[in-house]
Amino acid sequence: MHQTRHAQMTRHRHKSRLMVVALLGAITAVLLLSANLLAGPNGIIVAAALVVAGILSAQRVAPAFVMQLFNAKRIEPHDWPEAYNTVNALRLRAELDDMPQLYCLPGARMMAFSTGSKDEPVIALSMGALQHLSSRELHGIVAHELAHVASGDMTLLMMSEVMARLTRTFATLGLLLAIWLAIASEVRVPVVTIIILAAAPTAVSLLQLALSRNREYDADDYAAELTGDPAGLASGLQKIEREQAALWRRLFQPYVRGEMPTLLRTHPRTIDRVNRLLARADATDNK
C-alpha cells in the first residue's frame, strides 16, 4: 500500500509540474506576443532582456529587508523552542540543506508565509499563529510553507510576476501607440492587434492567479506527505479562515455581496482545500 501511495504521489507531482510548465509557457507566450505586436522581433529581444534583468534584480532583495518591512523579529532557538524544533524537524524530512530563518510578525492576526529562496529561505509566523494554533495545526501550517520552499515556489511566482508586469507595460504602450498613430498619421492598426493588446493584461493576470492556486494545492499535498497528518493542516486552515472571514465581514460586509469568483483568487477556497485534505486523511485511515 505504501508503494501504491508513493506511486500516486509521484504521478501527482509529474502532473503538477506539467501544469506549472504549461502556465508559465502561456504567460511567456502572452508576453512575447505583446512585445512582438509593439516592436516586432526587437520587442521580443527587449522583453527577454528585461525578464532576465527583473528576475536578477528581484533575487538581490534580501529576505531580511522584506522582514523589516513587516517589522518582524527573528526567532532564535531559545526564543521559541517549539516553533524552531518544529521547523527543523520538518526541514530534515523535506531534505532541505539549509534551516530556514524564522521570523515573528507582530499582531494577533493568524498568518504565515515564506519568502527568499532555497539557498536563503525565510518562514514568517505571526504572534497570533504561534499563540493560537495547536501544535498539530502549527506542524501543518509550517509544513505547507516548507513545501513552498522545497518546490521553489517563491522563484516561480516571482518569475510570473516579472513577466506579468512587463506584459501589462507592453500592452499599454501598444494601445497608446495605436491611438497616437490613428490620430497623428491616420494609420489604421488592425482590429485584431487592438483586441490582443487589450486582452493581454487580463489574460496574463488570470494565468498568474491559476499558477498561484496550483502551487497552493501542491504545497498542501506536500505538507500532508511531510507530516502524515492532512487533518492537522485542514484544522489550521479552518482556524485561520474563520479569523479572516470575521475580519472581512466586519470591514466589508455592508459593501460587498457574494463570494469572490475562484478565477480571481490567489488561493483556492479554503473549503476546497480542507475537503481535499480530509478526503486524503480518510483514505489514509481506511488503508
C-alpha atoms as a PDB file:
ATOM      1  CA  MET A   1       0.000   0.000   0.000  1.00  0.00           C
ATOM      2  CA  HIS A   2       2.872   2.341   0.766  1.00  0.00           C
ATOM      3  CA  GLN A   3       4.268   1.721  -2.718  1.00  0.00           C
ATOM      4  CA  THR A   4       0.843   2.425  -4.254  1.00  0.00           C
ATOM      5  CA  ARG A   5       0.538   5.704  -2.333  1.00  0.00           C
ATOM      6  CA  HIS A   6       4.091   6.685  -3.307  1.00  0.00           C
ATOM      7  CA  ALA A   7       3.298   5.953  -6.968  1.00  0.00           C
ATOM      8  CA  GLN A   8       0.166   8.099  -6.716  1.00  0.00           C
ATOM      9  CA  MET A   9       2.150  10.970  -5.218  1.00  0.00           C
ATOM     10  CA  THR A  10       4.777  10.654  -7.953  1.00  0.00           C
ATOM     11  CA  ARG A  11       2.113  10.802 -10.669  1.00  0.00           C
ATOM     12  CA  HIS A  12       0.504  13.783  -8.980  1.00  0.00           C
ATOM     13  CA  ARG A  13       3.822  15.646  -8.841  1.00  0.00           C
ATOM     14  CA  HIS A  14       4.516  14.975 -12.507  1.00  0.00           C
ATOM     15  CA  LYS A  15       1.032  16.252 -13.367  1.00  0.00           C
ATOM     16  CA  SER A  16       1.538  19.339 -11.198  1.00  0.00           C
ATOM     17  CA  ARG A  17       4.905  20.098 -12.808  1.00  0.00           C
ATOM     18  CA  LEU A  18       3.397  19.793 -16.266  1.00  0.00           C
ATOM     19  CA  MET A  19       0.700  22.254 -15.233  1.00  0.00           C
ATOM     20  CA  VAL A  20       3.367  24.694 -13.974  1.00  0.00           C
ATOM     21  CA  VAL A  21       5.257  24.421 -17.259  1.00  0.00           C
ATOM     22  CA  ALA A  22       2.038  24.962 -19.232  1.00  0.00           C
ATOM     23  CA  LEU A  23       1.028  28.033 -17.203  1.00  0.00           C
ATOM     24  CA  LEU A  24       4.489  29.615 -17.304  1.00  0.00           C
ATOM     25  CA  GLY A  25       4.667  28.847 -21.011  1.00  0.00           C
ATOM     26  CA  ALA A  26       1.321  30.553 -21.578  1.00  0.00           C
ATOM     27  CA  ILE A  27       2.415  33.621 -19.590  1.00  0.00           C
ATOM     28  CA  THR A  28       5.622  33.746 -21.634  1.00  0.00           C
ATOM     29  CA  ALA A  29       3.672  33.439 -24.886  1.00  0.00           C
ATOM     30  CA  VAL A  30       1.355  36.333 -23.960  1.00  0.00           C
ATOM     31  CA  LEU A  31       4.375  38.473 -23.040  1.00  0.00           C
ATOM     32  CA  LEU A  32       6.258  37.741 -26.271  1.00  0.00           C
ATOM     33  CA  LEU A  33       3.144  38.270 -28.380  1.00  0.00           C
ATOM     34  CA  SER A  34       2.551  41.672 -26.757  1.00  0.00           C
ATOM     35  CA  ALA A  35       6.212  42.628 -27.242  1.00  0.00           C
ATOM     36  CA  ASN A  36       6.114  41.499 -30.876  1.00  0.00           C
ATOM     37  CA  LEU A  37       2.955  43.494 -31.604  1.00  0.00           C
ATOM     38  CA  LEU A  38       4.558  46.570 -30.050  1.00  0.00           C
ATOM     39  CA  ALA A  39       8.015  46.442 -31.636  1.00  0.00           C
ATOM     40  CA  GLY A  40       8.395  43.302 -33.724  1.00  0.00           C
ATOM     41  CA  PRO A  41      11.405  40.967 -33.240  1.00  0.00           C
ATOM     42  CA  ASN A  42      13.284  43.728 -31.454  1.00  0.00           C
ATOM     43  CA  GLY A  43      10.471  43.865 -28.912  1.00  0.00           C
ATOM     44  CA  ILE A  44      10.916  40.165 -28.192  1.00  0.00           C
ATOM     45  CA  ILE A  45      14.646  40.679 -27.602  1.00  0.00           C
ATOM     46  CA  VAL A  46      13.963  43.627 -25.287  1.00  0.00           C
ATOM     47  CA  ALA A  47      11.311  41.623 -23.409  1.00  0.00           C
ATOM     48  CA  ALA A  48      13.690  38.698 -22.873  1.00  0.00           C
ATOM     49  CA  ALA A  49      16.426  41.035 -21.618  1.00  0.00           C
ATOM     50  CA  LEU A  50      14.029  42.802 -19.257  1.00  0.00           C
ATOM     51  CA  VAL A  51      12.748  39.492 -17.854  1.00  0.00           C
ATOM     52  CA  VAL A  52      16.298  38.389 -17.059  1.00  0.00           C
ATOM     53  CA  ALA A  53      17.136  41.772 -15.541  1.00  0.00           C
ATOM     54  CA  GLY A  54      13.928  41.789 -13.495  1.00  0.00           C
ATOM     55  CA  ILE A  55      14.496  38.316 -12.111  1.00  0.00           C
ATOM     56  CA  LEU A  56      18.118  39.074 -11.211  1.00  0.00           C
ATOM     57  CA  SER A  57      17.076  42.318  -9.519  1.00  0.00           C
ATOM     58  CA  ALA A  58      14.317  40.625  -7.528  1.00  0.00           C
ATOM     59  CA  GLN A  59      16.710  37.917  -6.352  1.00  0.00           C
ATOM     60  CA  ARG A  60      19.058  40.558  -4.981  1.00  0.00           C
ATOM     61  CA  VAL A  61      16.425  41.752  -2.492  1.00  0.00           C
ATOM     62  CA  ALA A  62      17.495  40.277   0.846  1.00  0.00           C
ATOM     63  CA  PRO A  63      14.776  38.395   2.760  1.00  0.00           C
ATOM     64  CA  ALA A  64      15.869  40.262   5.898  1.00  0.00           C
ATOM     65  CA  PHE A  65      14.908  43.536   4.167  1.00  0.00           C
ATOM     66  CA  VAL A  66      11.451  42.120   3.400  1.00  0.00           C
ATOM     67  CA  MET A  67      11.072  41.174   7.070  1.00  0.00           C
ATOM     68  CA  GLN A  68      11.994  44.720   8.080  1.00  0.00           C
ATOM     69  CA  LEU A  69       9.067  45.991   6.023  1.00  0.00           C
ATOM     70  CA  PHE A  70       6.777  43.832   8.168  1.00  0.00           C
ATOM     71  CA  ASN A  71       8.531  44.919  11.367  1.00  0.00           C
ATOM     72  CA  ALA A  72       9.250  41.236  12.023  1.00  0.00           C
ATOM     73  CA  LYS A  73      11.787  39.962  14.532  1.00  0.00           C
ATOM     74  CA  ARG A  74      13.999  36.959  14.010  1.00  0.00           C
ATOM     75  CA  ILE A  75      13.238  33.909  16.162  1.00  0.00           C
ATOM     76  CA  GLU A  76      16.277  32.213  17.660  1.00  0.00           C
ATOM     77  CA  PRO A  77      16.137  28.648  19.065  1.00  0.00           C
ATOM     78  CA  HIS A  78      15.930  29.888  22.657  1.00  0.00           C
ATOM     79  CA  ASP A  79      13.167  32.411  21.829  1.00  0.00           C
ATOM     80  CA  TRP A  80      10.514  29.889  20.798  1.00  0.00           C
ATOM     81  CA  PRO A  81      11.904  26.325  21.050  1.00  0.00           C
ATOM     82  CA  GLU A  82       8.673  24.619  19.932  1.00  0.00           C
ATOM     83  CA  ALA A  83       8.417  26.611  16.705  1.00  0.00           C
ATOM     84  CA  TYR A  84      12.134  26.264  15.979  1.00  0.00           C
ATOM     85  CA  ASN A  85      12.155  22.499  16.616  1.00  0.00           C
ATOM     86  CA  THR A  86       9.020  22.047  14.511  1.00  0.00           C
ATOM     87  CA  VAL A  87      10.594  23.786  11.522  1.00  0.00           C
ATOM     88  CA  ASN A  88      13.896  21.949  11.910  1.00  0.00           C
ATOM     89  CA  ALA A  89      12.247  18.514  12.102  1.00  0.00           C
ATOM     90  CA  LEU A  90      10.132  19.169   9.027  1.00  0.00           C
ATOM     91  CA  ARG A  91      13.107  20.665   7.204  1.00  0.00           C
ATOM     92  CA  LEU A  92      15.022  17.417   7.692  1.00  0.00           C
ATOM     93  CA  ARG A  93      12.079  15.383   6.403  1.00  0.00           C
ATOM     94  CA  ALA A  94      11.903  17.594   3.328  1.00  0.00           C
ATOM     95  CA  GLU A  95      15.665  17.053   2.839  1.00  0.00           C
ATOM     96  CA  LEU A  96      16.391  20.774   2.753  1.00  0.00           C
ATOM     97  CA  ASP A  97      20.057  21.569   3.316  1.00  0.00           C
ATOM     98  CA  ASP A  98      19.526  24.954   4.953  1.00  0.00           C
ATOM     99  CA  MET A  99      17.477  25.658   8.038  1.00  0.00           C
ATOM    100  CA  PRO A 100      15.015  28.453   7.166  1.00  0.00           C
ATOM    101  CA  GLN A 101      15.353  31.658   9.114  1.00  0.00           C
ATOM    102  CA  LEU A 102      12.327  32.130  11.354  1.00  0.00           C
ATOM    103  CA  TYR A 103      10.673  35.488  11.931  1.00  0.00           C
ATOM    104  CA  CYS A 104       7.800  36.527  14.157  1.00  0.00           C
ATOM    105  CA  LEU A 105       5.315  39.046  12.795  1.00  0.00           C
ATOM    106  CA  PRO A 106       3.732  41.390  15.351  1.00  0.00           C
ATOM    107  CA  GLY A 107      -0.010  41.315  15.880  1.00  0.00           C
ATOM    108  CA  ALA A 108      -2.702  38.903  16.984  1.00  0.00           C
ATOM    109  CA  ARG A 109      -3.896  38.044  13.470  1.00  0.00           C
ATOM    110  CA  MET A 110      -3.005  34.465  12.489  1.00  0.00           C
ATOM    111  CA  MET A 111      -0.870  34.328   9.353  1.00  0.00           C
ATOM    112  CA  ALA A 112       2.200  32.608   7.901  1.00  0.00           C
ATOM    113  CA  PHE A 113       4.188  32.948   4.683  1.00  0.00           C
ATOM    114  CA  SER A 114       7.537  32.050   3.171  1.00  0.00           C
ATOM    115  CA  THR A 115       9.946  34.187   1.171  1.00  0.00           C
ATOM    116  CA  GLY A 116      13.537  34.135  -0.024  1.00  0.00           C
ATOM    117  CA  SER A 117      14.893  31.181  -1.993  1.00  0.00           C
ATOM    118  CA  LYS A 118      16.047  27.610  -1.448  1.00  0.00           C
ATOM    119  CA  ASP A 119      19.503  28.940  -0.598  1.00  0.00           C
ATOM    120  CA  GLU A 120      18.186  31.598   1.791  1.00  0.00           C
ATOM    121  CA  PRO A 121      14.678  30.576   2.900  1.00  0.00           C
ATOM    122  CA  VAL A 122      12.595  32.521   5.391  1.00  0.00           C
ATOM    123  CA  ILE A 123       9.395  31.480   7.136  1.00  0.00           C
ATOM    124  CA  ALA A 124       7.376  34.143   8.915  1.00  0.00           C
ATOM    125  CA  LEU A 125       4.784  33.307  11.564  1.00  0.00           C
ATOM    126  CA  SER A 126       2.621  35.863  13.289  1.00  0.00           C
ATOM    127  CA  MET A 127       2.401  36.047  17.062  1.00  0.00           C
ATOM    128  CA  GLY A 128      -1.267  35.168  16.712  1.00  0.00           C
ATOM    129  CA  ALA A 129      -0.414  31.963  14.835  1.00  0.00           C
ATOM    130  CA  LEU A 130       2.218  30.949  17.380  1.00  0.00           C
ATOM    131  CA  GLN A 131      -0.144  31.559  20.279  1.00  0.00           C
ATOM    132  CA  HIS A 132      -3.452  30.241  18.937  1.00  0.00           C
ATOM    133  CA  LEU A 133      -2.575  27.328  16.637  1.00  0.00           C
ATOM    134  CA  SER A 134      -2.265  23.961  18.339  1.00  0.00           C
ATOM    135  CA  SER A 135       0.964  22.006  17.977  1.00  0.00           C
ATOM    136  CA  ARG A 136      -0.701  19.780  15.371  1.00  0.00           C
ATOM    137  CA  GLU A 137      -2.024  22.745  13.411  1.00  0.00           C
ATOM    138  CA  LEU A 138       1.314  24.562  13.613  1.00  0.00           C
ATOM    139  CA  HIS A 139       3.027  21.468  12.182  1.00  0.00           C
ATOM    140  CA  GLY A 140       0.660  21.515   9.215  1.00  0.00           C
ATOM    141  CA  ILE A 141       0.963  25.241   8.507  1.00  0.00           C
ATOM    142  CA  VAL A 142       4.761  25.203   8.804  1.00  0.00           C
ATOM    143  CA  ALA A 143       4.941  22.120   6.571  1.00  0.00           C
ATOM    144  CA  HIS A 144       2.868  23.974   3.963  1.00  0.00           C
ATOM    145  CA  GLU A 145       5.334  26.881   3.970  1.00  0.00           C
ATOM    146  CA  LEU A 146       8.302  24.490   3.841  1.00  0.00           C
ATOM    147  CA  ALA A 147       6.675  22.814   0.848  1.00  0.00           C
ATOM    148  CA  HIS A 148       6.744  26.166  -0.947  1.00  0.00           C
ATOM    149  CA  VAL A 149      10.462  26.435  -0.134  1.00  0.00           C
ATOM    150  CA  ALA A 150      11.285  22.881  -1.234  1.00  0.00           C
ATOM    151  CA  SER A 151       9.371  23.303  -4.513  1.00  0.00           C
ATOM    152  CA  GLY A 152      10.990  26.641  -5.336  1.00  0.00           C
ATOM    153  CA  ASP A 153       7.591  28.319  -5.494  1.00  0.00           C
ATOM    154  CA  MET A 154       8.891  31.750  -4.494  1.00  0.00           C
ATOM    155  CA  THR A 155      11.108  31.787  -7.596  1.00  0.00           C
ATOM    156  CA  LEU A 156       8.291  30.552  -9.861  1.00  0.00           C
ATOM    157  CA  LEU A 157       5.853  33.172  -8.617  1.00  0.00           C
ATOM    158  CA  MET A 158       8.478  35.888  -8.834  1.00  0.00           C
ATOM    159  CA  MET A 159       9.162  34.942 -12.472  1.00  0.00           C
ATOM    160  CA  SER A 160       5.458  35.056 -13.263  1.00  0.00           C
ATOM    161  CA  GLU A 161       5.135  38.465 -11.583  1.00  0.00           C
ATOM    162  CA  VAL A 162       8.028  39.926 -13.600  1.00  0.00           C
ATOM    163  CA  MET A 163       6.566  38.644 -16.873  1.00  0.00           C
ATOM    164  CA  ALA A 164       3.045  39.772 -15.969  1.00  0.00           C
ATOM    165  CA  ARG A 165       4.208  43.316 -15.181  1.00  0.00           C
ATOM    166  CA  LEU A 166       6.128  43.516 -18.447  1.00  0.00           C
ATOM    167  CA  THR A 167       3.122  42.211 -20.376  1.00  0.00           C
ATOM    168  CA  ARG A 168       0.901  44.921 -18.904  1.00  0.00           C
ATOM    169  CA  THR A 169       3.518  47.532 -19.744  1.00  0.00           C
ATOM    170  CA  PHE A 170       3.946  46.403 -23.359  1.00  0.00           C
ATOM    171  CA  ALA A 171       0.196  46.067 -23.881  1.00  0.00           C
ATOM    172  CA  THR A 172      -0.461  49.544 -22.500  1.00  0.00           C
ATOM    173  CA  LEU A 173       2.310  51.078 -24.619  1.00  0.00           C
ATOM    174  CA  GLY A 174       0.972  49.240 -27.670  1.00  0.00           C
ATOM    175  CA  LEU A 175      -2.529  50.598 -27.159  1.00  0.00           C
ATOM    176  CA  LEU A 176      -1.244  54.138 -26.620  1.00  0.00           C
ATOM    177  CA  LEU A 177       0.895  53.857 -29.769  1.00  0.00           C
ATOM    178  CA  ALA A 178      -2.097  52.612 -31.743  1.00  0.00           C
ATOM    179  CA  ILE A 179      -4.166  55.593 -30.585  1.00  0.00           C
ATOM    180  CA  TRP A 180      -1.354  58.023 -31.419  1.00  0.00           C
ATOM    181  CA  LEU A 181      -0.888  56.538 -34.894  1.00  0.00           C
ATOM    182  CA  ALA A 182      -4.602  56.743 -35.576  1.00  0.00           C
ATOM    183  CA  ILE A 183      -4.751  60.399 -34.518  1.00  0.00           C
ATOM    184  CA  ALA A 184      -1.413  61.739 -35.764  1.00  0.00           C
ATOM    185  CA  SER A 185      -0.930  59.885 -39.031  1.00  0.00           C
ATOM    186  CA  GLU A 186      -4.272  58.242 -39.724  1.00  0.00           C
ATOM    187  CA  VAL A 187      -2.583  54.817 -39.780  1.00  0.00           C
ATOM    188  CA  ARG A 188      -5.113  52.097 -39.127  1.00  0.00           C
ATOM    189  CA  VAL A 189      -3.968  49.466 -36.684  1.00  0.00           C
ATOM    190  CA  PRO A 190      -5.641  46.079 -37.291  1.00  0.00           C
ATOM    191  CA  VAL A 191      -8.591  45.422 -35.002  1.00  0.00           C
ATOM    192  CA  VAL A 192      -7.147  42.011 -34.058  1.00  0.00           C
ATOM    193  CA  THR A 193      -3.996  43.720 -32.768  1.00  0.00           C
ATOM    194  CA  ILE A 194      -6.079  46.091 -30.637  1.00  0.00           C
ATOM    195  CA  ILE A 195      -8.107  43.194 -29.225  1.00  0.00           C
ATOM    196  CA  ILE A 196      -4.997  41.172 -28.369  1.00  0.00           C
ATOM    197  CA  LEU A 197      -3.278  44.116 -26.672  1.00  0.00           C
ATOM    198  CA  ALA A 198      -6.435  44.981 -24.736  1.00  0.00           C
ATOM    199  CA  ALA A 199      -6.946  41.378 -23.603  1.00  0.00           C
ATOM    200  CA  ALA A 200      -3.295  40.608 -22.754  1.00  0.00           C
ATOM    201  CA  PRO A 201      -3.235  42.165 -19.239  1.00  0.00           C
ATOM    202  CA  THR A 202      -6.370  40.289 -18.186  1.00  0.00           C
ATOM    203  CA  ALA A 203      -5.170  37.040 -19.730  1.00  0.00           C
ATOM    204  CA  VAL A 204      -1.783  37.172 -18.043  1.00  0.00           C
ATOM    205  CA  SER A 205      -3.372  38.058 -14.687  1.00  0.00           C
ATOM    206  CA  LEU A 206      -5.716  35.062 -14.882  1.00  0.00           C
ATOM    207  CA  LEU A 207      -2.817  32.764 -15.792  1.00  0.00           C
ATOM    208  CA  GLN A 208      -0.789  34.180 -12.908  1.00  0.00           C
ATOM    209  CA  LEU A 209      -3.639  33.525 -10.457  1.00  0.00           C
ATOM    210  CA  ALA A 210      -4.049  29.984 -11.803  1.00  0.00           C
ATOM    211  CA  LEU A 211      -0.345  29.344 -11.205  1.00  0.00           C
ATOM    212  CA  SER A 212      -0.641  30.637  -7.631  1.00  0.00           C
ATOM    213  CA  ARG A 213      -3.624  28.365  -6.911  1.00  0.00           C
ATOM    214  CA  ASN A 214      -1.764  25.408  -8.405  1.00  0.00           C
ATOM    215  CA  ARG A 215       1.188  25.990  -6.085  1.00  0.00           C
ATOM    216  CA  GLU A 216      -1.124  26.223  -3.047  1.00  0.00           C
ATOM    217  CA  TYR A 217      -2.759  22.874  -3.803  1.00  0.00           C
ATOM    218  CA  ASP A 218       0.637  21.292  -4.393  1.00  0.00           C
ATOM    219  CA  ALA A 219       2.006  22.716  -1.128  1.00  0.00           C
ATOM    220  CA  ASP A 220      -0.999  21.254   0.727  1.00  0.00           C
ATOM    221  CA  ASP A 221      -0.276  17.814  -0.716  1.00  0.00           C
ATOM    222  CA  TYR A 222       3.443  18.047   0.049  1.00  0.00           C
ATOM    223  CA  ALA A 223       2.707  19.221   3.609  1.00  0.00           C
ATOM    224  CA  ALA A 224       0.354  16.296   4.169  1.00  0.00           C
ATOM    225  CA  GLU A 225       3.099  13.967   2.971  1.00  0.00           C
ATOM    226  CA  LEU A 226       5.670  15.566   5.301  1.00  0.00           C
ATOM    227  CA  THR A 227       3.513  15.446   8.426  1.00  0.00           C
ATOM    228  CA  GLY A 228       1.442  12.348   7.688  1.00  0.00           C
ATOM    229  CA  ASP A 229      -1.439  14.358   9.156  1.00  0.00           C
ATOM    230  CA  PRO A 230      -3.524  16.109   6.481  1.00  0.00           C
ATOM    231  CA  ALA A 231      -6.306  16.705   9.013  1.00  0.00           C
ATOM    232  CA  GLY A 232      -3.923  18.806  11.130  1.00  0.00           C
ATOM    233  CA  LEU A 233      -3.274  21.179   8.232  1.00  0.00           C
ATOM    234  CA  ALA A 234      -7.004  21.234   7.440  1.00  0.00           C
ATOM    235  CA  SER A 235      -7.747  22.262  11.027  1.00  0.00           C
ATOM    236  CA  GLY A 236      -5.138  25.036  10.903  1.00  0.00           C
ATOM    237  CA  LEU A 237      -6.515  26.349   7.605  1.00  0.00           C
ATOM    238  CA  GLN A 238     -10.045  26.380   9.013  1.00  0.00           C
ATOM    239  CA  LYS A 239      -8.963  28.276  12.117  1.00  0.00           C
ATOM    240  CA  ILE A 240      -7.157  30.921  10.051  1.00  0.00           C
ATOM    241  CA  GLU A 241     -10.117  31.139   7.646  1.00  0.00           C
ATOM    242  CA  ARG A 242     -12.583  31.725  10.482  1.00  0.00           C
ATOM    243  CA  GLU A 243     -10.492  34.617  11.773  1.00  0.00           C
ATOM    244  CA  GLN A 244     -10.034  36.161   8.327  1.00  0.00           C
ATOM    245  CA  ALA A 245     -13.731  35.713   7.471  1.00  0.00           C
ATOM    246  CA  ALA A 246     -14.703  37.508  10.672  1.00  0.00           C
ATOM    247  CA  LEU A 247     -12.374  40.396   9.802  1.00  0.00           C
ATOM    248  CA  TRP A 248     -13.734  40.520   6.229  1.00  0.00           C
ATOM    249  CA  ARG A 249     -17.316  40.690   7.485  1.00  0.00           C
ATOM    250  CA  ARG A 250     -16.526  43.486   9.920  1.00  0.00           C
ATOM    251  CA  LEU A 251     -14.807  45.601   7.283  1.00  0.00           C
ATOM    252  CA  PHE A 252     -16.611  44.933   4.022  1.00  0.00           C
ATOM    253  CA  GLN A 253     -19.884  43.065   4.528  1.00  0.00           C
ATOM    254  CA  PRO A 254     -22.013  46.236   4.244  1.00  0.00           C
ATOM    255  CA  TYR A 255     -20.481  46.916   0.814  1.00  0.00           C
ATOM    256  CA  VAL A 256     -19.719  43.528  -0.760  1.00  0.00           C
ATOM    257  CA  ARG A 257     -22.202  40.772  -1.563  1.00  0.00           C
ATOM    258  CA  GLY A 258     -21.431  37.221  -2.554  1.00  0.00           C
ATOM    259  CA  GLU A 259     -18.128  35.381  -2.759  1.00  0.00           C
ATOM    260  CA  MET A 260     -15.108  36.201  -4.885  1.00  0.00           C
ATOM    261  CA  PRO A 261     -15.018  34.006  -8.025  1.00  0.00           C
ATOM    262  CA  THR A 262     -12.375  31.266  -7.977  1.00  0.00           C
ATOM    263  CA  LEU A 263     -10.725  32.670 -11.129  1.00  0.00           C
ATOM    264  CA  LEU A 264      -9.880  35.892  -9.263  1.00  0.00           C
ATOM    265  CA  ARG A 265      -8.334  34.216  -6.213  1.00  0.00           C
ATOM    266  CA  THR A 266      -4.623  33.840  -5.452  1.00  0.00           C
ATOM    267  CA  HIS A 267      -5.512  30.889  -3.202  1.00  0.00           C
ATOM    268  CA  PRO A 268      -8.147  28.202  -3.738  1.00  0.00           C
ATOM    269  CA  ARG A 269     -11.201  28.427  -1.499  1.00  0.00           C
ATOM    270  CA  THR A 270     -10.348  27.160   1.957  1.00  0.00           C
ATOM    271  CA  ILE A 271     -13.341  24.825   1.934  1.00  0.00           C
ATOM    272  CA  ASP A 272     -11.995  23.157  -1.229  1.00  0.00           C
ATOM    273  CA  ARG A 273      -8.529  22.762   0.289  1.00  0.00           C
ATOM    274  CA  VAL A 274      -9.960  21.383   3.534  1.00  0.00           C
ATOM    275  CA  ASN A 275     -12.193  18.882   1.724  1.00  0.00           C
ATOM    276  CA  ARG A 276      -9.217  17.590  -0.297  1.00  0.00           C
ATOM    277  CA  LEU A 277      -7.121  17.207   2.837  1.00  0.00           C
ATOM    278  CA  LEU A 278      -9.882  15.468   4.810  1.00  0.00           C
ATOM    279  CA  ALA A 279     -10.567  13.115   1.902  1.00  0.00           C
ATOM    280  CA  ARG A 280      -6.871  12.288   1.897  1.00  0.00           C
ATOM    281  CA  ALA A 281      -6.965  11.693   5.663  1.00  0.00           C
ATOM    282  CA  ASP A 282      -9.976   9.365   5.292  1.00  0.00           C
ATOM    283  CA  ALA A 283      -8.262   7.443   2.505  1.00  0.00           C
ATOM    284  CA  THR A 284      -5.157   7.028   4.676  1.00  0.00           C
ATOM    285  CA  ASP A 285      -7.198   5.836   7.675  1.00  0.00           C
ATOM    286  CA  ASN A 286      -9.059   3.282   5.566  1.00  0.00           C
ATOM    287  CA  LYS A 287      -5.865   1.660   4.304  1.00  0.00           C
END
